[in-house]
C-alpha atoms as a PDB file:
ATOM      1  CA  MET A   1    -185.814   8.619 -44.740  1.00  0.00           C
ATOM      2  CA  ILE A   2    -187.870   8.101 -47.921  1.00  0.00           C
ATOM      3  CA  GLN A   3    -185.727   6.728 -50.741  1.00  0.00           C
ATOM      4  CA  LYS A   4    -186.143   7.737 -54.386  1.00  0.00           C
ATOM      5  CA  ILE A   5    -186.224   4.778 -56.748  1.00  0.00           C
ATOM      6  CA  ALA A   6    -185.777   5.393 -60.480  1.00  0.00           C
ATOM      7  CA  ILE A   7    -187.697   3.243 -62.963  1.00  0.00           C
ATOM      8  CA  GLN A   8    -188.471   3.263 -66.653  1.00  0.00           C
ATOM      9  CA  GLY A   9    -192.222   3.612 -67.045  1.00  0.00           C
ATOM     10  CA  ILE A  10    -195.247   4.735 -65.083  1.00  0.00           C
ATOM     11  CA  PRO A  11    -197.372   3.370 -62.216  1.00  0.00           C
ATOM     12  CA  GLY A  12    -198.707  -0.035 -63.162  1.00  0.00           C
ATOM     13  CA  SER A  13    -195.640  -1.036 -65.180  1.00  0.00           C
ATOM     14  CA  PHE A  14    -193.645  -4.129 -64.281  1.00  0.00           C
ATOM     15  CA  HIS A  15    -190.773  -1.887 -63.173  1.00  0.00           C
ATOM     16  CA  HIS A  16    -193.172  -0.109 -60.822  1.00  0.00           C
ATOM     17  CA  GLN A  17    -194.339  -3.445 -59.425  1.00  0.00           C
ATOM     18  CA  VAL A  18    -190.749  -4.597 -58.782  1.00  0.00           C
ATOM     19  CA  ALA A  19    -189.862  -1.287 -57.101  1.00  0.00           C
ATOM     20  CA  LEU A  20    -192.807  -1.708 -54.720  1.00  0.00           C
ATOM     21  CA  ASN A  21    -191.911  -5.342 -54.036  1.00  0.00           C
ATOM     22  CA  CYS A  22    -188.270  -4.502 -53.303  1.00  0.00           C
ATOM     23  CA  PHE A  23    -188.448  -1.152 -51.538  1.00  0.00           C
ATOM     24  CA  GLY A  24    -191.987  -1.048 -50.134  1.00  0.00           C
ATOM     25  CA  ASN A  25    -194.917   1.325 -50.472  1.00  0.00           C
ATOM     26  CA  GLU A  26    -193.108   4.058 -48.560  1.00  0.00           C
ATOM     27  CA  ALA A  27    -190.520   4.550 -51.323  1.00  0.00           C
ATOM     28  CA  GLU A  28    -190.836   7.461 -53.756  1.00  0.00           C
ATOM     29  CA  ILE A  29    -190.850   5.875 -57.201  1.00  0.00           C
ATOM     30  CA  VAL A  30    -189.679   8.243 -59.942  1.00  0.00           C
ATOM     31  CA  GLY A  31    -190.618   7.278 -63.494  1.00  0.00           C
ATOM     32  CA  PHE A  32    -188.539   8.091 -66.568  1.00  0.00           C
ATOM     33  CA  ARG A  33    -189.246   7.666 -70.261  1.00  0.00           C
ATOM     34  CA  THR A  34    -186.040   5.811 -71.180  1.00  0.00           C
ATOM     35  CA  PHE A  35    -183.539   3.488 -69.545  1.00  0.00           C
ATOM     36  CA  GLU A  36    -180.783   6.013 -70.218  1.00  0.00           C
ATOM     37  CA  GLU A  37    -182.636   8.619 -68.161  1.00  0.00           C
ATOM     38  CA  VAL A  38    -182.869   6.065 -65.362  1.00  0.00           C
ATOM     39  CA  ALA A  39    -179.127   5.382 -65.469  1.00  0.00           C
ATOM     40  CA  LYS A  40    -178.320   9.088 -65.601  1.00  0.00           C
ATOM     41  CA  SER A  41    -180.560   9.845 -62.596  1.00  0.00           C
ATOM     42  CA  VAL A  42    -178.558   7.405 -60.453  1.00  0.00           C
ATOM     43  CA  ALA A  43    -175.181   8.531 -61.771  1.00  0.00           C
ATOM     44  CA  ASN A  44    -175.902  12.202 -61.015  1.00  0.00           C
ATOM     45  CA  GLY A  45    -177.316  11.462 -57.553  1.00  0.00           C
ATOM     46  CA  HIS A  46    -180.920  12.443 -58.254  1.00  0.00           C
ATOM     47  CA  CYS A  47    -182.060   8.946 -57.247  1.00  0.00           C
ATOM     48  CA  PRO A  48    -179.908   6.738 -54.986  1.00  0.00           C
ATOM     49  CA  TYR A  49    -181.367   3.511 -56.408  1.00  0.00           C
ATOM     50  CA  ALA A  50    -182.890   2.211 -59.640  1.00  0.00           C
ATOM     51  CA  VAL A  51    -184.724  -0.864 -60.861  1.00  0.00           C
ATOM     52  CA  MET A  52    -183.884  -1.991 -64.407  1.00  0.00           C
ATOM     53  CA  ALA A  53    -184.958  -5.015 -66.447  1.00  0.00           C
ATOM     54  CA  ILE A  54    -181.958  -6.902 -67.789  1.00  0.00           C
ATOM     55  CA  GLU A  55    -183.295 -10.137 -69.306  1.00  0.00           C
ATOM     56  CA  ASN A  56    -186.416 -12.195 -69.937  1.00  0.00           C
ATOM     57  CA  SER A  57    -186.642 -15.975 -69.817  1.00  0.00           C
ATOM     58  CA  ILE A  58    -188.208 -15.971 -73.297  1.00  0.00           C
ATOM     59  CA  ALA A  59    -186.806 -12.914 -75.074  1.00  0.00           C
ATOM     60  CA  GLY A  60    -183.272 -13.058 -73.652  1.00  0.00           C
ATOM     61  CA  ALA A  61    -180.928 -10.272 -72.535  1.00  0.00           C
ATOM     62  CA  ILE A  62    -181.558  -6.546 -72.915  1.00  0.00           C
ATOM     63  CA  LEU A  63    -178.025  -5.874 -74.101  1.00  0.00           C
ATOM     64  CA  PRO A  64    -178.256  -2.032 -74.322  1.00  0.00           C
ATOM     65  CA  ASN A  65    -178.877  -1.904 -70.569  1.00  0.00           C
ATOM     66  CA  TYR A  66    -175.514  -3.531 -69.892  1.00  0.00           C
ATOM     67  CA  GLU A  67    -173.915  -0.792 -71.976  1.00  0.00           C
ATOM     68  CA  LEU A  68    -175.683   1.843 -69.844  1.00  0.00           C
ATOM     69  CA  ILE A  69    -174.398   0.263 -66.632  1.00  0.00           C
ATOM     70  CA  ASP A  70    -170.901   0.289 -68.114  1.00  0.00           C
ATOM     71  CA  ARG A  71    -171.023   3.843 -69.459  1.00  0.00           C
ATOM     72  CA  TYR A  72    -172.494   5.420 -66.339  1.00  0.00           C
ATOM     73  CA  GLY A  73    -170.357   3.393 -63.938  1.00  0.00           C
ATOM     74  CA  LEU A  74    -173.296   1.931 -62.000  1.00  0.00           C
ATOM     75  CA  TRP A  75    -173.138  -0.890 -59.461  1.00  0.00           C
ATOM     76  CA  ILE A  76    -175.461  -3.914 -59.400  1.00  0.00           C
ATOM     77  CA  MET A  77    -176.309  -4.508 -55.758  1.00  0.00           C
ATOM     78  CA  ASP A  78    -179.064  -7.115 -56.129  1.00  0.00           C
ATOM     79  CA  GLU A  79    -181.386  -8.899 -58.536  1.00  0.00           C
ATOM     80  CA  TYR A  80    -185.086  -9.786 -58.571  1.00  0.00           C
ATOM     81  CA  TYR A  81    -187.052 -12.285 -60.667  1.00  0.00           C
ATOM     82  CA  LEU A  82    -190.640 -11.270 -61.450  1.00  0.00           C
ATOM     83  CA  PRO A  83    -193.124 -13.800 -62.844  1.00  0.00           C
ATOM     84  CA  ILE A  84    -194.727 -12.024 -65.796  1.00  0.00           C
ATOM     85  CA  SER A  85    -198.519 -12.124 -66.034  1.00  0.00           C
ATOM     86  CA  HIS A  86    -200.016 -10.538 -69.140  1.00  0.00           C
ATOM     87  CA  ASN A  87    -203.694  -9.619 -68.897  1.00  0.00           C
ATOM     88  CA  LEU A  88    -206.150  -8.320 -71.484  1.00  0.00           C
ATOM     89  CA  MET A  89    -208.089  -5.335 -70.159  1.00  0.00           C
ATOM     90  CA  ALA A  90    -210.488  -2.666 -71.373  1.00  0.00           C
ATOM     91  CA  LEU A  91    -213.078  -0.220 -70.092  1.00  0.00           C
ATOM     92  CA  PRO A  92    -215.690  -1.749 -67.762  1.00  0.00           C
ATOM     93  CA  GLY A  93    -218.586  -3.247 -69.695  1.00  0.00           C
ATOM     94  CA  GLN A  94    -216.532  -4.107 -72.783  1.00  0.00           C
ATOM     95  CA  ARG A  95    -216.271  -7.656 -74.085  1.00  0.00           C
ATOM     96  CA  ILE A  96    -213.444  -9.198 -76.072  1.00  0.00           C
ATOM     97  CA  GLU A  97    -215.788  -9.302 -79.057  1.00  0.00           C
ATOM     98  CA  ASP A  98    -216.183  -5.514 -78.817  1.00  0.00           C
ATOM     99  CA  LEU A  99    -212.472  -4.873 -79.307  1.00  0.00           C
ATOM    100  CA  THR A 100    -211.009  -3.901 -82.674  1.00  0.00           C
ATOM    101  CA  GLU A 101    -207.511  -3.094 -81.425  1.00  0.00           C
ATOM    102  CA  VAL A 102    -205.247  -4.300 -78.662  1.00  0.00           C
ATOM    103  CA  ARG A 103    -202.178  -2.196 -77.934  1.00  0.00           C
ATOM    104  CA  SER A 104    -199.123  -2.912 -75.810  1.00  0.00           C
ATOM    105  CA  HIS A 105    -195.350  -3.138 -75.799  1.00  0.00           C
ATOM    106  CA  PRO A 106    -194.165  -5.219 -78.798  1.00  0.00           C
ATOM    107  CA  MET A 107    -192.687  -7.886 -76.515  1.00  0.00           C
ATOM    108  CA  ALA A 108    -195.968  -8.263 -74.612  1.00  0.00           C
ATOM    109  CA  LEU A 109    -197.874  -8.635 -77.871  1.00  0.00           C
ATOM    110  CA  LEU A 110    -195.406 -11.237 -79.091  1.00  0.00           C
ATOM    111  CA  GLN A 111    -195.694 -13.231 -75.877  1.00  0.00           C
ATOM    112  CA  CYS A 112    -199.509 -13.276 -76.193  1.00  0.00           C
ATOM    113  CA  LYS A 113    -199.842 -13.782 -79.947  1.00  0.00           C
ATOM    114  CA  LYS A 114    -201.234 -17.309 -79.709  1.00  0.00           C
ATOM    115  CA  PHE A 115    -204.174 -16.139 -77.560  1.00  0.00           C
ATOM    116  CA  PHE A 116    -205.359 -13.776 -80.306  1.00  0.00           C
ATOM    117  CA  GLN A 117    -205.448 -16.457 -82.987  1.00  0.00           C
ATOM    118  CA  ASP A 118    -209.028 -17.044 -81.870  1.00  0.00           C
ATOM    119  CA  TYR A 119    -209.848 -13.353 -82.426  1.00  0.00           C
ATOM    120  CA  PRO A 120    -208.770 -12.561 -86.020  1.00  0.00           C
ATOM    121  CA  LYS A 121    -210.767  -9.302 -86.108  1.00  0.00           C
ATOM    122  CA  ILE A 122    -208.550  -7.758 -83.419  1.00  0.00           C
ATOM    123  CA  SER A 123    -205.528  -5.834 -84.708  1.00  0.00           C
ATOM    124  CA  LEU A 124    -202.420  -6.025 -82.521  1.00  0.00           C
ATOM    125  CA  ILE A 125    -200.616  -2.675 -82.483  1.00  0.00           C
ATOM    126  CA  ASP A 126    -197.206  -1.874 -81.006  1.00  0.00           C
ATOM    127  CA  ASP A 127    -197.162   0.896 -78.425  1.00  0.00           C
ATOM    128  CA  VAL A 128    -194.712   2.498 -75.988  1.00  0.00           C
ATOM    129  CA  ASP A 129    -195.230   0.146 -73.050  1.00  0.00           C
ATOM    130  CA  THR A 130    -197.867  -1.857 -71.217  1.00  0.00           C
ATOM    131  CA  ALA A 131    -199.021   0.517 -68.484  1.00  0.00           C
ATOM    132  CA  SER A 132    -199.150   3.685 -70.620  1.00  0.00           C
ATOM    133  CA  VAL A 133    -201.734   2.068 -72.910  1.00  0.00           C
ATOM    134  CA  ALA A 134    -203.859   1.119 -69.907  1.00  0.00           C
ATOM    135  CA  GLN A 135    -203.534   4.681 -68.608  1.00  0.00           C
ATOM    136  CA  ARG A 136    -204.623   6.185 -71.931  1.00  0.00           C
ATOM    137  CA  ILE A 137    -207.649   3.899 -72.231  1.00  0.00           C
ATOM    138  CA  GLY A 138    -208.789   4.790 -68.731  1.00  0.00           C
ATOM    139  CA  GLU A 139    -208.168   8.523 -68.892  1.00  0.00           C
ATOM    140  CA  GLU A 140    -209.565   9.018 -72.412  1.00  0.00           C
ATOM    141  CA  SER A 141    -212.395   6.429 -72.110  1.00  0.00           C
ATOM    142  CA  LEU A 142    -211.307   4.701 -75.315  1.00  0.00           C
ATOM    143  CA  VAL A 143    -213.999   2.295 -76.500  1.00  0.00           C
ATOM    144  CA  GLY A 144    -213.092  -0.747 -78.593  1.00  0.00           C
ATOM    145  CA  ILE A 145    -209.432  -0.709 -77.585  1.00  0.00           C
ATOM    146  CA  GLY A 146    -207.794  -3.141 -75.198  1.00  0.00           C
ATOM    147  CA  ALA A 147    -204.451  -3.203 -73.454  1.00  0.00           C
ATOM    148  CA  ILE A 148    -202.129  -5.984 -72.359  1.00  0.00           C
ATOM    149  CA  ALA A 149    -200.724  -5.045 -68.983  1.00  0.00           C
ATOM    150  CA  SER A 150    -200.390  -6.092 -65.345  1.00  0.00           C
ATOM    151  CA  LYS A 151    -203.244  -6.586 -62.899  1.00  0.00           C
ATOM    152  CA  THR A 152    -201.811  -3.647 -60.969  1.00  0.00           C
ATOM    153  CA  ALA A 153    -202.296  -1.425 -64.038  1.00  0.00           C
ATOM    154  CA  ALA A 154    -205.926  -2.548 -64.346  1.00  0.00           C
ATOM    155  CA  ALA A 155    -206.568  -1.576 -60.734  1.00  0.00           C
ATOM    156  CA  ILE A 156    -204.791   1.794 -61.000  1.00  0.00           C
ATOM    157  CA  TYR A 157    -206.540   2.879 -64.212  1.00  0.00           C
ATOM    158  CA  HIS A 158    -209.949   1.359 -63.386  1.00  0.00           C
ATOM    159  CA  LEU A 159    -210.038  -1.153 -66.224  1.00  0.00           C
ATOM    160  CA  GLU A 160    -211.718  -4.542 -66.324  1.00  0.00           C
ATOM    161  CA  ILE A 161    -209.677  -7.678 -66.959  1.00  0.00           C
ATOM    162  CA  LEU A 162    -211.287  -9.600 -69.816  1.00  0.00           C
ATOM    163  CA  ALA A 163    -208.781 -12.462 -69.797  1.00  0.00           C
ATOM    164  CA  ALA A 164    -206.016 -13.156 -67.298  1.00  0.00           C
ATOM    165  CA  ASP A 165    -202.596 -14.751 -67.829  1.00  0.00           C
ATOM    166  CA  ILE A 166    -202.862 -14.837 -71.618  1.00  0.00           C
ATOM    167  CA  GLN A 167    -199.118 -15.256 -72.235  1.00  0.00           C
ATOM    168  CA  THR A 168    -198.322 -18.343 -74.306  1.00  0.00           C
ATOM    169  CA  VAL A 169    -195.551 -19.534 -71.986  1.00  0.00           C
ATOM    170  CA  LYS A 170    -196.851 -19.505 -68.439  1.00  0.00           C
ATOM    171  CA  ASN A 171    -193.432 -19.939 -66.803  1.00  0.00           C
ATOM    172  CA  ASN A 172    -192.272 -16.500 -67.928  1.00  0.00           C
ATOM    173  CA  PHE A 173    -189.892 -14.482 -65.740  1.00  0.00           C
ATOM    174  CA  THR A 174    -188.110 -11.187 -66.177  1.00  0.00           C
ATOM    175  CA  ARG A 175    -184.904 -10.609 -64.268  1.00  0.00           C
ATOM    176  CA  PHE A 176    -184.495  -7.117 -62.855  1.00  0.00           C
ATOM    177  CA  ILE A 177    -181.384  -5.619 -61.279  1.00  0.00           C
ATOM    178  CA  LEU A 178    -181.193  -3.090 -58.450  1.00  0.00           C
ATOM    179  CA  LEU A 179    -178.656  -0.367 -59.130  1.00  0.00           C
ATOM    180  CA  CYS A 180    -176.786   2.277 -57.148  1.00  0.00           C
ATOM    181  CA  SER A 181    -174.057   4.741 -58.099  1.00  0.00           C
ATOM    182  CA  GLU A 182    -171.095   3.084 -56.431  1.00  0.00           C
ATOM    183  CA  ARG A 183    -169.966  -0.023 -54.605  1.00  0.00           C
ATOM    184  CA  LYS A 184    -170.773   0.037 -50.902  1.00  0.00           C
ATOM    185  CA  PRO A 185    -169.672  -2.304 -48.093  1.00  0.00           C
ATOM    186  CA  ALA A 186    -171.962  -5.310 -47.631  1.00  0.00           C
ATOM    187  CA  ASP A 187    -172.418  -7.634 -44.673  1.00  0.00           C
ATOM    188  CA  PHE A 188    -172.699 -10.824 -46.734  1.00  0.00           C
ATOM    189  CA  LEU A 189    -170.543 -12.900 -49.069  1.00  0.00           C
ATOM    190  CA  PRO A 190    -171.899 -12.852 -52.633  1.00  0.00           C
ATOM    191  CA  ASN A 191    -172.315 -15.949 -54.751  1.00  0.00           C
ATOM    192  CA  LYS A 192    -172.979 -14.214 -58.076  1.00  0.00           C
ATOM    193  CA  ALA A 193    -171.234 -11.492 -60.069  1.00  0.00           C
ATOM    194  CA  SER A 194    -171.751  -9.506 -63.268  1.00  0.00           C
ATOM    195  CA  LEU A 195    -168.551  -8.765 -65.167  1.00  0.00           C
ATOM    196  CA  LYS A 196    -167.236  -7.192 -68.329  1.00  0.00           C
ATOM    197  CA  LEU A 197    -164.263  -9.145 -69.671  1.00  0.00           C
ATOM    198  CA  THR A 198    -162.099  -7.886 -72.525  1.00  0.00           C
ATOM    199  CA  ILE A 199    -159.752 -10.237 -74.349  1.00  0.00           C
ATOM    200  CA  SER A 200    -157.406  -9.840 -77.289  1.00  0.00           C
ATOM    201  CA  ASN A 201    -158.413 -10.940 -80.764  1.00  0.00           C
ATOM    202  CA  GLU A 202    -156.272 -14.051 -80.893  1.00  0.00           C
ATOM    203  CA  LYS A 203    -157.026 -17.591 -81.960  1.00  0.00           C
ATOM    204  CA  GLY A 204    -158.558 -19.573 -79.111  1.00  0.00           C
ATOM    205  CA  SER A 205    -158.637 -16.615 -76.696  1.00  0.00           C
ATOM    206  CA  LEU A 206    -162.307 -17.096 -75.792  1.00  0.00           C
ATOM    207  CA  ALA A 207    -161.840 -20.834 -75.294  1.00  0.00           C
ATOM    208  CA  LYS A 208    -158.881 -20.148 -72.978  1.00  0.00           C
ATOM    209  CA  LEU A 209    -160.947 -17.642 -70.992  1.00  0.00           C
ATOM    210  CA  LEU A 210    -163.795 -20.098 -70.526  1.00  0.00           C
ATOM    211  CA  THR A 211    -161.365 -22.833 -69.523  1.00  0.00           C
ATOM    212  CA  LEU A 212    -159.856 -20.548 -66.865  1.00  0.00           C
ATOM    213  CA  LEU A 213    -163.255 -19.768 -65.388  1.00  0.00           C
ATOM    214  CA  SER A 214    -164.286 -23.422 -65.423  1.00  0.00           C
ATOM    215  CA  ALA A 215    -161.032 -24.465 -63.738  1.00  0.00           C
ATOM    216  CA  HIS A 216    -161.981 -22.246 -60.787  1.00  0.00           C
ATOM    217  CA  ASP A 217    -165.510 -23.739 -60.570  1.00  0.00           C
ATOM    218  CA  LEU A 218    -167.303 -20.665 -61.916  1.00  0.00           C
ATOM    219  CA  ASP A 219    -170.646 -21.405 -63.540  1.00  0.00           C
ATOM    220  CA  LEU A 220    -171.562 -18.997 -66.336  1.00  0.00           C
ATOM    221  CA  SER A 221    -175.283 -18.241 -66.232  1.00  0.00           C
ATOM    222  CA  LYS A 222    -174.994 -15.834 -69.183  1.00  0.00           C
ATOM    223  CA  ILE A 223    -172.441 -14.558 -71.688  1.00  0.00           C
ATOM    224  CA  GLN A 224    -173.000 -11.835 -74.308  1.00  0.00           C
ATOM    225  CA  SER A 225    -170.408 -10.399 -76.690  1.00  0.00           C
ATOM    226  CA  ILE A 226    -170.106  -6.796 -77.891  1.00  0.00           C
ATOM    227  CA  PRO A 227    -167.465  -5.224 -80.163  1.00  0.00           C
ATOM    228  CA  VAL A 228    -164.950  -2.789 -78.647  1.00  0.00           C
ATOM    229  CA  ILE A 229    -165.772   0.402 -80.562  1.00  0.00           C
ATOM    230  CA  ASP A 230    -162.284   1.908 -80.696  1.00  0.00           C
ATOM    231  CA  GLU A 231    -160.497  -1.434 -81.200  1.00  0.00           C
ATOM    232  CA  PRO A 232    -161.721  -3.070 -84.444  1.00  0.00           C
ATOM    233  CA  TRP A 233    -162.232  -6.855 -84.258  1.00  0.00           C
ATOM    234  CA  ASN A 234    -161.720  -6.963 -80.502  1.00  0.00           C
ATOM    235  CA  TYR A 235    -164.614  -7.953 -78.280  1.00  0.00           C
ATOM    236  CA  SER A 236    -165.787  -7.566 -74.726  1.00  0.00           C
ATOM    237  CA  PHE A 237    -168.032 -10.060 -72.977  1.00  0.00           C
ATOM    238  CA  PHE A 238    -170.752  -9.332 -70.456  1.00  0.00           C
ATOM    239  CA  ILE A 239    -170.805 -12.311 -68.120  1.00  0.00           C
ATOM    240  CA  ASP A 240    -172.958 -13.400 -65.198  1.00  0.00           C
ATOM    241  CA  THR A 241    -171.268 -16.046 -63.092  1.00  0.00           C
ATOM    242  CA  VAL A 242    -172.366 -18.040 -60.059  1.00  0.00           C
ATOM    243  CA  PHE A 243    -169.829 -19.543 -57.654  1.00  0.00           C
ATOM    244  CA  ASP A 244    -169.781 -21.678 -54.512  1.00  0.00           C
ATOM    245  CA  THR A 245    -167.002 -19.811 -52.724  1.00  0.00           C
ATOM    246  CA  TYR A 246    -165.856 -16.207 -52.931  1.00  0.00           C
ATOM    247  CA  GLU A 247    -162.237 -17.378 -52.846  1.00  0.00           C
ATOM    248  CA  ASN A 248    -162.690 -19.366 -56.075  1.00  0.00           C
ATOM    249  CA  TYR A 249    -164.214 -16.316 -57.710  1.00  0.00           C
ATOM    250  CA  ARG A 250    -161.360 -14.005 -56.708  1.00  0.00           C
ATOM    251  CA  SER A 251    -158.808 -16.591 -57.833  1.00  0.00           C
ATOM    252  CA  ALA A 252    -160.521 -16.823 -61.213  1.00  0.00           C
ATOM    253  CA  LEU A 253    -160.334 -13.054 -61.694  1.00  0.00           C
ATOM    254  CA  ALA A 254    -156.644 -13.071 -60.795  1.00  0.00           C
ATOM    255  CA  ALA A 255    -156.009 -15.839 -63.320  1.00  0.00           C
ATOM    256  CA  VAL A 256    -157.830 -13.940 -66.087  1.00  0.00           C
ATOM    257  CA  ARG A 257    -155.781 -10.804 -65.371  1.00  0.00           C
ATOM    258  CA  ALA A 258    -152.575 -12.834 -65.326  1.00  0.00           C
ATOM    259  CA  HIS A 259    -153.370 -14.044 -68.849  1.00  0.00           C
ATOM    260  CA  GLY A 260    -153.882 -10.493 -70.125  1.00  0.00           C
ATOM    261  CA  GLY A 261    -157.648 -10.224 -69.800  1.00  0.00           C
ATOM    262  CA  GLY A 262    -159.281  -6.965 -68.749  1.00  0.00           C
ATOM    263  CA  ILE A 263    -161.967  -7.106 -66.046  1.00  0.00           C
ATOM    264  CA  LYS A 264    -164.584  -4.597 -64.951  1.00  0.00           C
ATOM    265  CA  ILE A 265    -166.867  -5.705 -62.117  1.00  0.00           C
ATOM    266  CA  PHE A 266    -170.459  -4.482 -62.508  1.00  0.00           C
ATOM    267  CA  GLY A 267    -171.702  -6.047 -59.286  1.00  0.00           C
ATOM    268  CA  GLU A 268    -171.322  -8.787 -56.675  1.00  0.00           C
ATOM    269  CA  TYR A 269    -174.517  -9.967 -55.013  1.00  0.00           C
ATOM    270  CA  ARG A 270    -176.642 -12.948 -54.019  1.00  0.00           C
ATOM    271  CA  SER A 271    -178.284 -15.090 -56.660  1.00  0.00           C
ATOM    272  CA  ARG A 272    -182.056 -14.757 -56.315  1.00  0.00           C
ATOM    273  CA  LYS A 273    -183.127 -17.262 -58.951  1.00  0.00           C
ATOM    274  CA  GLU A 274    -184.239 -19.850 -56.418  1.00  0.00           C
ATOM    275  CA  GLU A 275    -186.274 -17.160 -54.618  1.00  0.00           C
ATOM    276  CA  ALA A 276    -188.319 -16.170 -57.675  1.00  0.00           C
ATOM    277  CA  GLY A 277    -191.833 -15.210 -56.636  1.00  0.00           C
ATOM    278  CA  MET A 278    -190.968 -15.253 -52.924  1.00  0.00           C
ATOM    279  CA  VAL A 279    -190.998 -12.362 -50.435  1.00  0.00           C
ATOM    280  CA  PHE A 280    -188.012 -10.122 -51.141  1.00  0.00           C
ATOM    281  CA  GLN A 281    -185.970  -8.412 -48.464  1.00  0.00           C
ATOM    282  CA  PRO A 282    -183.215  -6.257 -49.975  1.00  0.00           C
ATOM    283  CA  ASN A 283    -180.212  -5.640 -47.780  1.00  0.00           C
ATOM    284  CA  ILE A 284    -179.700  -1.945 -48.508  1.00  0.00           C
ATOM    285  CA  ALA A 285    -178.995  -0.659 -44.994  1.00  0.00           C
ATOM    286  CA  SER A 286    -175.297  -1.464 -45.201  1.00  0.00           C
ATOM    287  CA  ARG A 287    -174.970  -0.252 -48.757  1.00  0.00           C
END
């Protein structure tokens, strides 16, 4: 059975590349304009799975996407780390010296800013995303305009790569999560979890929470705070934690609840950080 995979973006985007890497060429990849449309498509059953960027090793967390997971009640079933390669491309026959504009997603432009210091005549212009600029250049035969996008986008839209891997920081990864609508039985023990923890606005409450987690040997790989909208001056925390044993993890959650903390589990899965750039084999059959 062909699975529908929801992504934000179009063919040639990094989301598209991750969907192919995780689910294979036989999957039907459905592109949406916004992340909210992606979340909604999974929640309403239109697509059983989705791929969503959640953080970048340079730019940090994409906090609004955590809010979407929370609001639509989605489940994180896996993660994937993609090494990000930014490439300057244009119509075949163009040279860098022929370009007057380079367009891309603002984050891509920021990550490549140092490269363009040697080309002061080129204006860097924010656009919707990486692949859509490449698509527009190819389909409209735009002369003098370059795009920063993936090598896959260059191949799809018949553009020529003028300079490869132009990002300032070469060790640049984006972490993506694989989403489904509800928790399903798995045939493995996880060693990582994404949580939403809510604590009261009392002196030392955050320090006590962190001490509890540390006492149960939980390693926090990320923590982000957001205000609780209907409870002024109270905060929730989006946390990613890695643990050696599932028993320690469950004991930590019980201890947090016993001390009055609220817990919502977004997902329990395997940490893939050590597998970054390796062949990915998602375990979705049992989910």
